[in-house]
Each structure stands twice: as C-alpha cells, then as structure tokens.
C-alpha cells in the first residue's frame, strides 16, 4: 500500500501554473506526526512537480497511515511512478 494518494485535477482555466494541496487526517497521528508528513510531502512536491507535474492542474497529496514510517526514497519512487501514470 502506498504512503499517499495522488489526485490530479485539471482546472481548465487556461493557466499553466501548478498548485499543490496536502491533507493528512487525525487518524494518522497527532499534530507532530501530521506536520512531519506534510513537510515530507512539500519536499517531494518541490523536487518533482516542476519537472513531472501536469501543467494547469491541482495536485493533491493525501497522506496514508503507513506513509510516515516509509523511507523518503521509497516515497520519491512512489511519487515518480504516480506522476508518470497521470501523464499517460
């Protein structure tokens, strides 16, 4: 099971800008755990969205229960795979 779910929604407003949304529910853990997960997602987004994201779309990362324990490199591979799937 992946550490997150990636949703990509085309805004259809003619803009080429990409936006990111991050959500992590209280089911995942306390505030410290949720904020750590959000920081990891922001770092992933900074690294990969400018290169592989969909222009003119909103990218939403939804944290999953196993995501905080995952190795950061594993999360990178998952995001690259998910972005490649969306690009098809």
PDB file of N, CA and C in Angstrom:
ATOM      1  N   UNK A   1       0.850  -1.189   0.000  1.00  0.00           N
ATOM      2  CA  UNK A   1       0.000   0.000   0.000  1.00  0.00           C
ATOM      3  C   UNK A   1       0.889   1.243   0.000  1.00  0.00           C
ATOM      4  N   UNK A   2       0.595   2.196  -0.882  1.00  0.00           N
ATOM      5  CA  UNK A   2       1.415   3.414  -0.947  1.00  0.00           C
ATOM      6  C   UNK A   2       1.247   4.285   0.302  1.00  0.00           C
ATOM      7  N   UNK A   3       2.208   5.179   0.500  1.00  0.00           N
ATOM      8  CA  UNK A   3       2.170   6.073   1.647  1.00  0.00           C
ATOM      9  C   UNK A   3       1.269   7.278   1.442  1.00  0.00           C
ATOM     10  N   UNK A   4       0.722   7.416   0.237  1.00  0.00           N
ATOM     11  CA  UNK A   4      -0.151   8.545  -0.067  1.00  0.00           C
ATOM     12  C   UNK A   4      -1.013   8.222  -1.267  1.00  0.00           C
ATOM     13  N   UNK A   5      -1.998   9.066  -1.492  1.00  0.00           N
ATOM     14  CA  UNK A   5      -2.821   9.016  -2.697  1.00  0.00           C
ATOM     15  C   UNK A   5      -2.595  10.328  -3.425  1.00  0.00           C
ATOM     16  N   UNK A   6      -2.392  10.265  -4.729  1.00  0.00           N
ATOM     17  CA  UNK A   6      -2.208  11.468  -5.538  1.00  0.00           C
ATOM     18  C   UNK A   6      -3.438  11.661  -6.415  1.00  0.00           C
ATOM     19  N   UNK A   7      -4.060  12.823  -6.279  1.00  0.00           N
ATOM     20  CA  UNK A   7      -5.170  13.206  -7.144  1.00  0.00           C
ATOM     21  C   UNK A   7      -4.708  14.386  -7.988  1.00  0.00           C
ATOM     22  N   UNK A   8      -5.019  14.357  -9.266  1.00  0.00           N
ATOM     23  CA  UNK A   8      -4.669  15.457 -10.163  1.00  0.00           C
ATOM     24  C   UNK A   8      -5.949  15.924 -10.827  1.00  0.00           C
ATOM     25  N   UNK A   9      -6.240  17.213 -10.663  1.00  0.00           N
ATOM     26  CA  UNK A   9      -7.473  17.791 -11.196  1.00  0.00           C
ATOM     27  C   UNK A   9      -7.129  18.945 -12.116  1.00  0.00           C
ATOM     28  N   UNK A  10      -7.510  18.820 -13.390  1.00  0.00           N
ATOM     29  CA  UNK A  10      -7.273  19.889 -14.359  1.00  0.00           C
ATOM     30  C   UNK A  10      -8.235  21.037 -14.079  1.00  0.00           C
ATOM     31  N   UNK A  11      -7.692  22.250 -13.899  1.00  0.00           N
ATOM     32  CA  UNK A  11      -8.526  23.408 -13.560  1.00  0.00           C
ATOM     33  C   UNK A  11      -9.259  23.965 -14.773  1.00  0.00           C
ATOM     34  N   UNK A  12      -8.760  23.731 -15.969  1.00  0.00           N
ATOM     35  CA  UNK A  12      -9.386  24.201 -17.220  1.00  0.00           C
ATOM     36  C   UNK A  12      -9.617  25.712 -17.218  1.00  0.00           C
ATOM     37  N   UNK A  13      -8.630  26.440 -16.690  1.00  0.00           N
ATOM     38  CA  UNK A  13      -8.744  27.897 -16.661  1.00  0.00           C
ATOM     39  C   UNK A  13      -7.740  28.577 -17.593  1.00  0.00           C
ATOM     40  N   UNK A  14      -7.022  27.784 -18.378  1.00  0.00           N
ATOM     41  CA  UNK A  14      -6.074  28.351 -19.322  1.00  0.00           C
ATOM     42  C   UNK A  14      -4.722  28.682 -18.735  1.00  0.00           C
ATOM     43  N   UNK A  15      -4.553  28.524 -17.446  1.00  0.00           N
ATOM     44  CA  UNK A  15      -3.286  28.814 -16.790  1.00  0.00           C
ATOM     45  C   UNK A  15      -2.388  27.577 -16.825  1.00  0.00           C
ATOM     46  N   UNK A  16      -1.084  27.798 -16.965  1.00  0.00           N
ATOM     47  CA  UNK A  16      -0.136  26.678 -16.956  1.00  0.00           C
ATOM     48  C   UNK A  16       0.422  26.409 -15.565  1.00  0.00           C
ATOM     49  N   UNK A  17       0.045  27.202 -14.587  1.00  0.00           N
ATOM     50  CA  UNK A  17       0.566  27.046 -13.240  1.00  0.00           C
ATOM     51  C   UNK A  17       0.063  25.777 -12.567  1.00  0.00           C
ATOM     52  N   UNK A  18       0.928  25.191 -11.742  1.00  0.00           N
ATOM     53  CA  UNK A  18       0.563  24.000 -10.971  1.00  0.00           C
ATOM     54  C   UNK A  18       0.386  24.395  -9.517  1.00  0.00           C
ATOM     55  N   UNK A  19      -0.595  23.800  -8.885  1.00  0.00           N
ATOM     56  CA  UNK A  19      -0.804  24.040  -7.456  1.00  0.00           C
ATOM     57  C   UNK A  19      -0.747  22.716  -6.729  1.00  0.00           C
ATOM     58  N   UNK A  20      -0.410  22.807  -5.439  1.00  0.00           N
ATOM     59  CA  UNK A  20      -0.307  21.608  -4.607  1.00  0.00           C
ATOM     60  C   UNK A  20      -1.222  21.756  -3.398  1.00  0.00           C
ATOM     61  N   UNK A  21      -1.888  20.676  -3.060  1.00  0.00           N
ATOM     62  CA  UNK A  21      -2.695  20.608  -1.856  1.00  0.00           C
ATOM     63  C   UNK A  21      -2.271  19.382  -1.076  1.00  0.00           C
ATOM     64  N   UNK A  22      -2.169  19.514   0.230  1.00  0.00           N
ATOM     65  CA  UNK A  22      -1.732  18.406   1.083  1.00  0.00           C
ATOM     66  C   UNK A  22      -2.733  18.252   2.216  1.00  0.00           C
ATOM     67  N   UNK A  23      -3.158  17.019   2.445  1.00  0.00           N
ATOM     68  CA  UNK A  23      -4.058  16.757   3.554  1.00  0.00           C
ATOM     69  C   UNK A  23      -3.628  15.480   4.275  1.00  0.00           C
ATOM     70  N   UNK A  24      -3.638  15.566   5.585  1.00  0.00           N
ATOM     71  CA  UNK A  24      -3.321  14.419   6.436  1.00  0.00           C
ATOM     72  C   UNK A  24      -4.323  14.453   7.587  1.00  0.00           C
ATOM     73  N   UNK A  25      -5.104  13.388   7.739  1.00  0.00           N
ATOM     74  CA  UNK A  25      -6.157  13.378   8.745  1.00  0.00           C
ATOM     75  C   UNK A  25      -5.629  13.040  10.134  1.00  0.00           C
ATOM     76  N   UNK A  26      -6.456  13.280  11.124  1.00  0.00           N
ATOM     77  CA  UNK A  26      -6.090  12.976  12.504  1.00  0.00           C
ATOM     78  C   UNK A  26      -5.952  11.483  12.767  1.00  0.00           C
ATOM     79  N   UNK A  27      -6.495  10.664  11.878  1.00  0.00           N
ATOM     80  CA  UNK A  27      -6.346   9.216  12.011  1.00  0.00           C
ATOM     81  C   UNK A  27      -4.885   8.795  11.919  1.00  0.00           C
ATOM     82  N   UNK A  28      -4.085   9.590  11.228  1.00  0.00           N
ATOM     83  CA  UNK A  28      -2.672   9.269  11.029  1.00  0.00           C
ATOM     84  C   UNK A  28      -1.892   9.427  12.324  1.00  0.00           C
ATOM     85  N   UNK A  29      -2.219  10.432  13.105  1.00  0.00           N
ATOM     86  CA  UNK A  29      -1.495  10.671  14.349  1.00  0.00           C
ATOM     87  C   UNK A  29      -1.741  12.072  14.867  1.00  0.00           C
ATOM     88  N   UNK A  30      -0.968  12.431  15.861  1.00  0.00           N
ATOM     89  CA  UNK A  30      -1.082  13.760  16.453  1.00  0.00           C
ATOM     90  C   UNK A  30      -0.513  14.835  15.544  1.00  0.00           C
ATOM     91  N   UNK A  31      -0.532  16.057  16.036  1.00  0.00           N
ATOM     92  CA  UNK A  31      -0.102  17.206  15.235  1.00  0.00           C
ATOM     93  C   UNK A  31       1.352  17.088  14.788  1.00  0.00           C
ATOM     94  N   UNK A  32       2.204  16.581  15.655  1.00  0.00           N
ATOM     95  CA  UNK A  32       3.627  16.462  15.310  1.00  0.00           C
ATOM     96  C   UNK A  32       3.809  15.495  14.148  1.00  0.00           C
ATOM     97  N   UNK A  33       3.119  14.373  14.186  1.00  0.00           N
ATOM     98  CA  UNK A  33       3.217  13.362  13.129  1.00  0.00           C
ATOM     99  C   UNK A  33       2.637  13.908  11.829  1.00  0.00           C
ATOM    100  N   UNK A  34       1.481  14.553  11.900  1.00  0.00           N
ATOM    101  CA  UNK A  34       0.859  15.102  10.696  1.00  0.00           C
ATOM    102  C   UNK A  34       1.725  16.178  10.059  1.00  0.00           C
ATOM    103  N   UNK A  35       2.283  17.053  10.868  1.00  0.00           N
ATOM    104  CA  UNK A  35       3.134  18.122  10.328  1.00  0.00           C
ATOM    105  C   UNK A  35       4.411  17.567   9.708  1.00  0.00           C
ATOM    106  N   UNK A  36       4.962  16.506  10.310  1.00  0.00           N
ATOM    107  CA  UNK A  36       6.156  15.885   9.730  1.00  0.00           C
ATOM    108  C   UNK A  36       5.828  15.302   8.360  1.00  0.00           C
ATOM    109  N   UNK A  37       4.688  14.660   8.257  1.00  0.00           N
ATOM    110  CA  UNK A  37       4.282  14.084   6.978  1.00  0.00           C
ATOM    111  C   UNK A  37       4.068  15.186   5.942  1.00  0.00           C
ATOM    112  N   UNK A  38       3.457  16.294   6.336  1.00  0.00           N
ATOM    113  CA  UNK A  38       3.239  17.401   5.403  1.00  0.00           C
ATOM    114  C   UNK A  38       4.561  17.998   4.936  1.00  0.00           C
ATOM    115  N   UNK A  39       5.538  18.102   5.838  1.00  0.00           N
ATOM    116  CA  UNK A  39       6.856  18.612   5.446  1.00  0.00           C
ATOM    117  C   UNK A  39       7.502  17.697   4.410  1.00  0.00           C
ATOM    118  N   UNK A  40       7.356  16.391   4.599  1.00  0.00           N
ATOM    119  CA  UNK A  40       7.917  15.437   3.644  1.00  0.00           C
ATOM    120  C   UNK A  40       7.225  15.582   2.284  1.00  0.00           C
ATOM    121  N   UNK A  41       5.913  15.751   2.282  1.00  0.00           N
ATOM    122  CA  UNK A  41       5.171  15.924   1.028  1.00  0.00           C
ATOM    123  C   UNK A  41       5.571  17.213   0.323  1.00  0.00           C
ATOM    124  N   UNK A  42       5.760  18.298   1.083  1.00  0.00           N
ATOM    125  CA  UNK A  42       6.180  19.560   0.470  1.00  0.00           C
ATOM    126  C   UNK A  42       7.558  19.413  -0.178  1.00  0.00           C
ATOM    127  N   UNK A  43       8.467  18.684   0.484  1.00  0.00           N
ATOM    128  CA  UNK A  43       9.798  18.462  -0.084  1.00  0.00           C
ATOM    129  C   UNK A  43       9.706  17.656  -1.375  1.00  0.00           C
ATOM    130  N   UNK A  44       8.853  16.645  -1.393  1.00  0.00           N
ATOM    131  CA  UNK A  44       8.649  15.853  -2.610  1.00  0.00           C
ATOM    132  C   UNK A  44       8.082  16.728  -3.728  1.00  0.00           C
ATOM    133  N   UNK A  45       7.109  17.543  -3.398  1.00  0.00           N
ATOM    134  CA  UNK A  45       6.467  18.395  -4.404  1.00  0.00           C
ATOM    135  C   UNK A  45       7.464  19.396  -4.986  1.00  0.00           C
ATOM    136  N   UNK A  46       8.290  19.993  -4.146  1.00  0.00           N
ATOM    137  CA  UNK A  46       9.294  20.946  -4.628  1.00  0.00           C
ATOM    138  C   UNK A  46      10.260  20.292  -5.607  1.00  0.00           C
ATOM    139  N   UNK A  47      10.580  19.034  -5.352  1.00  0.00           N
ATOM    140  CA  UNK A  47      11.567  18.347  -6.178  1.00  0.00           C
ATOM    141  C   UNK A  47      10.992  17.837  -7.501  1.00  0.00           C
ATOM    142  N   UNK A  48       9.771  17.295  -7.483  1.00  0.00           N
ATOM    143  CA  UNK A  48       9.280  16.587  -8.653  1.00  0.00           C
ATOM    144  C   UNK A  48       8.177  17.281  -9.441  1.00  0.00           C
ATOM    145  N   UNK A  49       7.358  18.096  -8.818  1.00  0.00           N
ATOM    146  CA  UNK A  49       6.256  18.707  -9.562  1.00  0.00           C
ATOM    147  C   UNK A  49       6.705  19.645 -10.675  1.00  0.00           C
ATOM    148  N   UNK A  50       7.725  20.484 -10.474  1.00  0.00           N
ATOM    149  CA  UNK A  50       8.119  21.359 -11.590  1.00  0.00           C
ATOM    150  C   UNK A  50       8.566  20.581 -12.834  1.00  0.00           C
ATOM    151  N   UNK A  51       9.119  19.393 -12.639  1.00  0.00           N
ATOM    152  CA  UNK A  51       9.626  18.608 -13.764  1.00  0.00           C
ATOM    153  C   UNK A  51       8.588  17.654 -14.343  1.00  0.00           C
ATOM    154  N   UNK A  52       7.781  17.028 -13.477  1.00  0.00           N
ATOM    155  CA  UNK A  52       6.911  15.948 -13.942  1.00  0.00           C
ATOM    156  C   UNK A  52       5.434  16.192 -13.682  1.00  0.00           C
ATOM    157  N   UNK A  53       5.095  17.322 -13.095  1.00  0.00           N
ATOM    158  CA  UNK A  53       3.691  17.607 -12.815  1.00  0.00           C
ATOM    159  C   UNK A  53       2.913  17.960 -14.075  1.00  0.00           C
ATOM    160  N   UNK A  54       1.601  17.993 -13.945  1.00  0.00           N
ATOM    161  CA  UNK A  54       0.713  18.317 -15.058  1.00  0.00           C
ATOM    162  C   UNK A  54       0.450  19.826 -15.046  1.00  0.00           C
ATOM    163  N   UNK A  55       0.789  20.490 -16.139  1.00  0.00           N
ATOM    164  CA  UNK A  55       0.599  21.937 -16.228  1.00  0.00           C
ATOM    165  C   UNK A  55      -0.886  22.275 -16.174  1.00  0.00           C
ATOM    166  N   UNK A  56      -1.224  23.320 -15.435  1.00  0.00           N
ATOM    167  CA  UNK A  56      -2.606  23.771 -15.339  1.00  0.00           C
ATOM    168  C   UNK A  56      -3.485  22.900 -14.465  1.00  0.00           C
ATOM    169  N   UNK A  57      -2.869  22.147 -13.561  1.00  0.00           N
ATOM    170  CA  UNK A  57      -3.639  21.213 -12.730  1.00  0.00           C
ATOM    171  C   UNK A  57      -3.341  21.415 -11.247  1.00  0.00           C
ATOM    172  N   UNK A  58      -4.291  20.987 -10.444  1.00  0.00           N
ATOM    173  CA  UNK A  58      -4.097  20.929  -8.992  1.00  0.00           C
ATOM    174  C   UNK A  58      -3.648  19.519  -8.655  1.00  0.00           C
ATOM    175  N   UNK A  59      -2.596  19.409  -7.858  1.00  0.00           N
ATOM    176  CA  UNK A  59      -2.082  18.122  -7.405  1.00  0.00           C
ATOM    177  C   UNK A  59      -2.382  18.014  -5.913  1.00  0.00           C
ATOM    178  N   UNK A  60      -3.105  16.992  -5.518  1.00  0.00           N
ATOM    179  CA  UNK A  60      -3.493  16.813  -4.115  1.00  0.00           C
ATOM    180  C   UNK A  60      -2.853  15.540  -3.593  1.00  0.00           C
ATOM    181  N   UNK A  61      -2.073  15.679  -2.532  1.00  0.00           N
ATOM    182  CA  UNK A  61      -1.461  14.527  -1.867  1.00  0.00           C
ATOM    183  C   UNK A  61      -2.240  14.257  -0.586  1.00  0.00           C
ATOM    184  N   UNK A  62      -2.730  13.035  -0.450  1.00  0.00           N
ATOM    185  CA  UNK A  62      -3.482  12.632   0.732  1.00  0.00           C
ATOM    186  C   UNK A  62      -2.649  11.600   1.472  1.00  0.00           C
ATOM    187  N   UNK A  63      -2.264  11.916   2.693  1.00  0.00           N
ATOM    188  CA  UNK A  63      -1.423  11.023   3.480  1.00  0.00           C
ATOM    189  C   UNK A  63      -2.155   9.762   3.905  1.00  0.00           C
ATOM    190  N   UNK A  64      -1.459   8.643   3.865  1.00  0.00           N
ATOM    191  CA  UNK A  64      -1.987   7.362   4.309  1.00  0.00           C
ATOM    192  C   UNK A  64      -1.268   6.925   5.577  1.00  0.00           C
ATOM    193  N   UNK A  65      -1.857   5.958   6.255  1.00  0.00           N
ATOM    194  CA  UNK A  65      -1.368   5.532   7.567  1.00  0.00           C
ATOM    195  C   UNK A  65       0.094   5.089   7.558  1.00  0.00           C
ATOM    196  N   UNK A  66       0.547   4.383   6.550  1.00  0.00           N
ATOM    197  CA  UNK A  66       1.916   3.882   6.540  1.00  0.00           C
ATOM    198  C   UNK A  66       2.934   4.863   6.001  1.00  0.00           C
ATOM    199  N   UNK A  67       2.519   6.035   5.600  1.00  0.00           N
ATOM    200  CA  UNK A  67       3.407   6.984   4.940  1.00  0.00           C
ATOM    201  C   UNK A  67       4.490   7.572   5.812  1.00  0.00           C
ATOM    202  N   UNK A  68       4.240   7.745   7.076  1.00  0.00           N
ATOM    203  CA  UNK A  68       5.220   8.405   7.936  1.00  0.00           C
ATOM    204  C   UNK A  68       6.398   7.490   8.263  1.00  0.00           C
ATOM    205  N   UNK A  69       6.161   6.187   8.272  1.00  0.00           N
ATOM    206  CA  UNK A  69       7.239   5.259   8.572  1.00  0.00           C
ATOM    207  C   UNK A  69       8.084   4.927   7.351  1.00  0.00           C
ATOM    208  N   UNK A  70       7.609   5.293   6.175  1.00  0.00           N
ATOM    209  CA  UNK A  70       8.300   4.946   4.936  1.00  0.00           C
ATOM    210  C   UNK A  70       9.601   5.719   4.795  1.00  0.00           C
ATOM    211  N   UNK A  71      10.533   5.077   4.137  1.00  0.00           N
ATOM    212  CA  UNK A  71      11.784   5.715   3.787  1.00  0.00           C
ATOM    213  C   UNK A  71      11.495   6.814   2.754  1.00  0.00           C
ATOM    214  N   UNK A  72      12.193   7.931   2.858  1.00  0.00           N
ATOM    215  CA  UNK A  72      11.948   9.060   1.963  1.00  0.00           C
ATOM    216  C   UNK A  72      12.200   8.676   0.502  1.00  0.00           C
ATOM    217  N   UNK A  73      13.213   7.853   0.250  1.00  0.00           N
ATOM    218  CA  UNK A  73      13.497   7.415  -1.115  1.00  0.00           C
ATOM    219  C   UNK A  73      12.358   6.565  -1.669  1.00  0.00           C
ATOM    220  N   UNK A  74      11.709   5.789  -0.809  1.00  0.00           N
ATOM    221  CA  UNK A  74      10.562   4.992  -1.224  1.00  0.00           C
ATOM    222  C   UNK A  74       9.401   5.914  -1.620  1.00  0.00           C
ATOM    223  N   UNK A  75       9.180   6.978  -0.852  1.00  0.00           N
ATOM    224  CA  UNK A  75       8.142   7.947  -1.195  1.00  0.00           C
ATOM    225  C   UNK A  75       8.462   8.642  -2.526  1.00  0.00           C
ATOM    226  N   UNK A  76       9.741   8.920  -2.764  1.00  0.00           N
ATOM    227  CA  UNK A  76      10.145   9.529  -4.036  1.00  0.00           C
ATOM    228  C   UNK A  76       9.779   8.618  -5.200  1.00  0.00           C
ATOM    229  N   UNK A  77      10.131   7.347  -5.076  1.00  0.00           N
ATOM    230  CA  UNK A  77       9.829   6.395  -6.150  1.00  0.00           C
ATOM    231  C   UNK A  77       8.324   6.303  -6.385  1.00  0.00           C
ATOM    232  N   UNK A  78       7.550   6.297  -5.322  1.00  0.00           N
ATOM    233  CA  UNK A  78       6.100   6.217  -5.454  1.00  0.00           C
ATOM    234  C   UNK A  78       5.534   7.442  -6.161  1.00  0.00           C
ATOM    235  N   UNK A  79       6.047   8.625  -5.825  1.00  0.00           N
ATOM    236  CA  UNK A  79       5.551   9.851  -6.456  1.00  0.00           C
ATOM    237  C   UNK A  79       5.924   9.891  -7.939  1.00  0.00           C
ATOM    238  N   UNK A  80       7.139   9.514  -8.265  1.00  0.00           N
ATOM    239  CA  UNK A  80       7.564   9.488  -9.673  1.00  0.00           C
ATOM    240  C   UNK A  80       6.677   8.528 -10.458  1.00  0.00           C
ATOM    241  N   UNK A  81       6.401   7.363  -9.883  1.00  0.00           N
ATOM    242  CA  UNK A  81       5.543   6.374 -10.543  1.00  0.00           C
ATOM    243  C   UNK A  81       4.127   6.920 -10.728  1.00  0.00           C
ATOM    244  N   UNK A  82       3.604   7.571  -9.690  1.00  0.00           N
ATOM    245  CA  UNK A  82       2.235   8.115  -9.771  1.00  0.00           C
ATOM    246  C   UNK A  82       2.150   9.245 -10.798  1.00  0.00           C
ATOM    247  N   UNK A  83       3.154  10.118 -10.847  1.00  0.00           N
ATOM    248  CA  UNK A  83       3.150  11.212 -11.826  1.00  0.00           C
ATOM    249  C   UNK A  83       3.279  10.677 -13.252  1.00  0.00           C
ATOM    250  N   UNK A  84       4.067   9.612 -13.425  1.00  0.00           N
ATOM    251  CA  UNK A  84       4.198   9.005 -14.757  1.00  0.00           C
ATOM    252  C   UNK A  84       2.865   8.408 -15.205  1.00  0.00           C
ATOM    253  N   UNK A  85       2.144   7.799 -14.269  1.00  0.00           N
ATOM    254  CA  UNK A  85       0.838   7.227 -14.596  1.00  0.00           C
ATOM    255  C   UNK A  85      -0.161   8.312 -15.004  1.00  0.00           C
ATOM    256  N   UNK A  86      -0.115   9.423 -14.308  1.00  0.00           N
ATOM    257  CA  UNK A  86      -1.032  10.532 -14.599  1.00  0.00           C
ATOM    258  C   UNK A  86      -0.702  11.157 -15.949  1.00  0.00           C
ATOM    259  N   UNK A  87       0.570  11.210 -16.289  1.00  0.00           N
ATOM    260  CA  UNK A  87       0.994  11.850 -17.541  1.00  0.00           C
ATOM    261  C   UNK A  87       0.539  11.068 -18.773  1.00  0.00           C
ATOM    262  N   UNK A  88       0.243   9.792 -18.621  1.00  0.00           N
ATOM    263  CA  UNK A  88      -0.149   8.963 -19.776  1.00  0.00           C
ATOM    264  C   UNK A  88      -1.487   9.308 -20.306  1.00  0.00           C
TER     265      UNK A  88
END
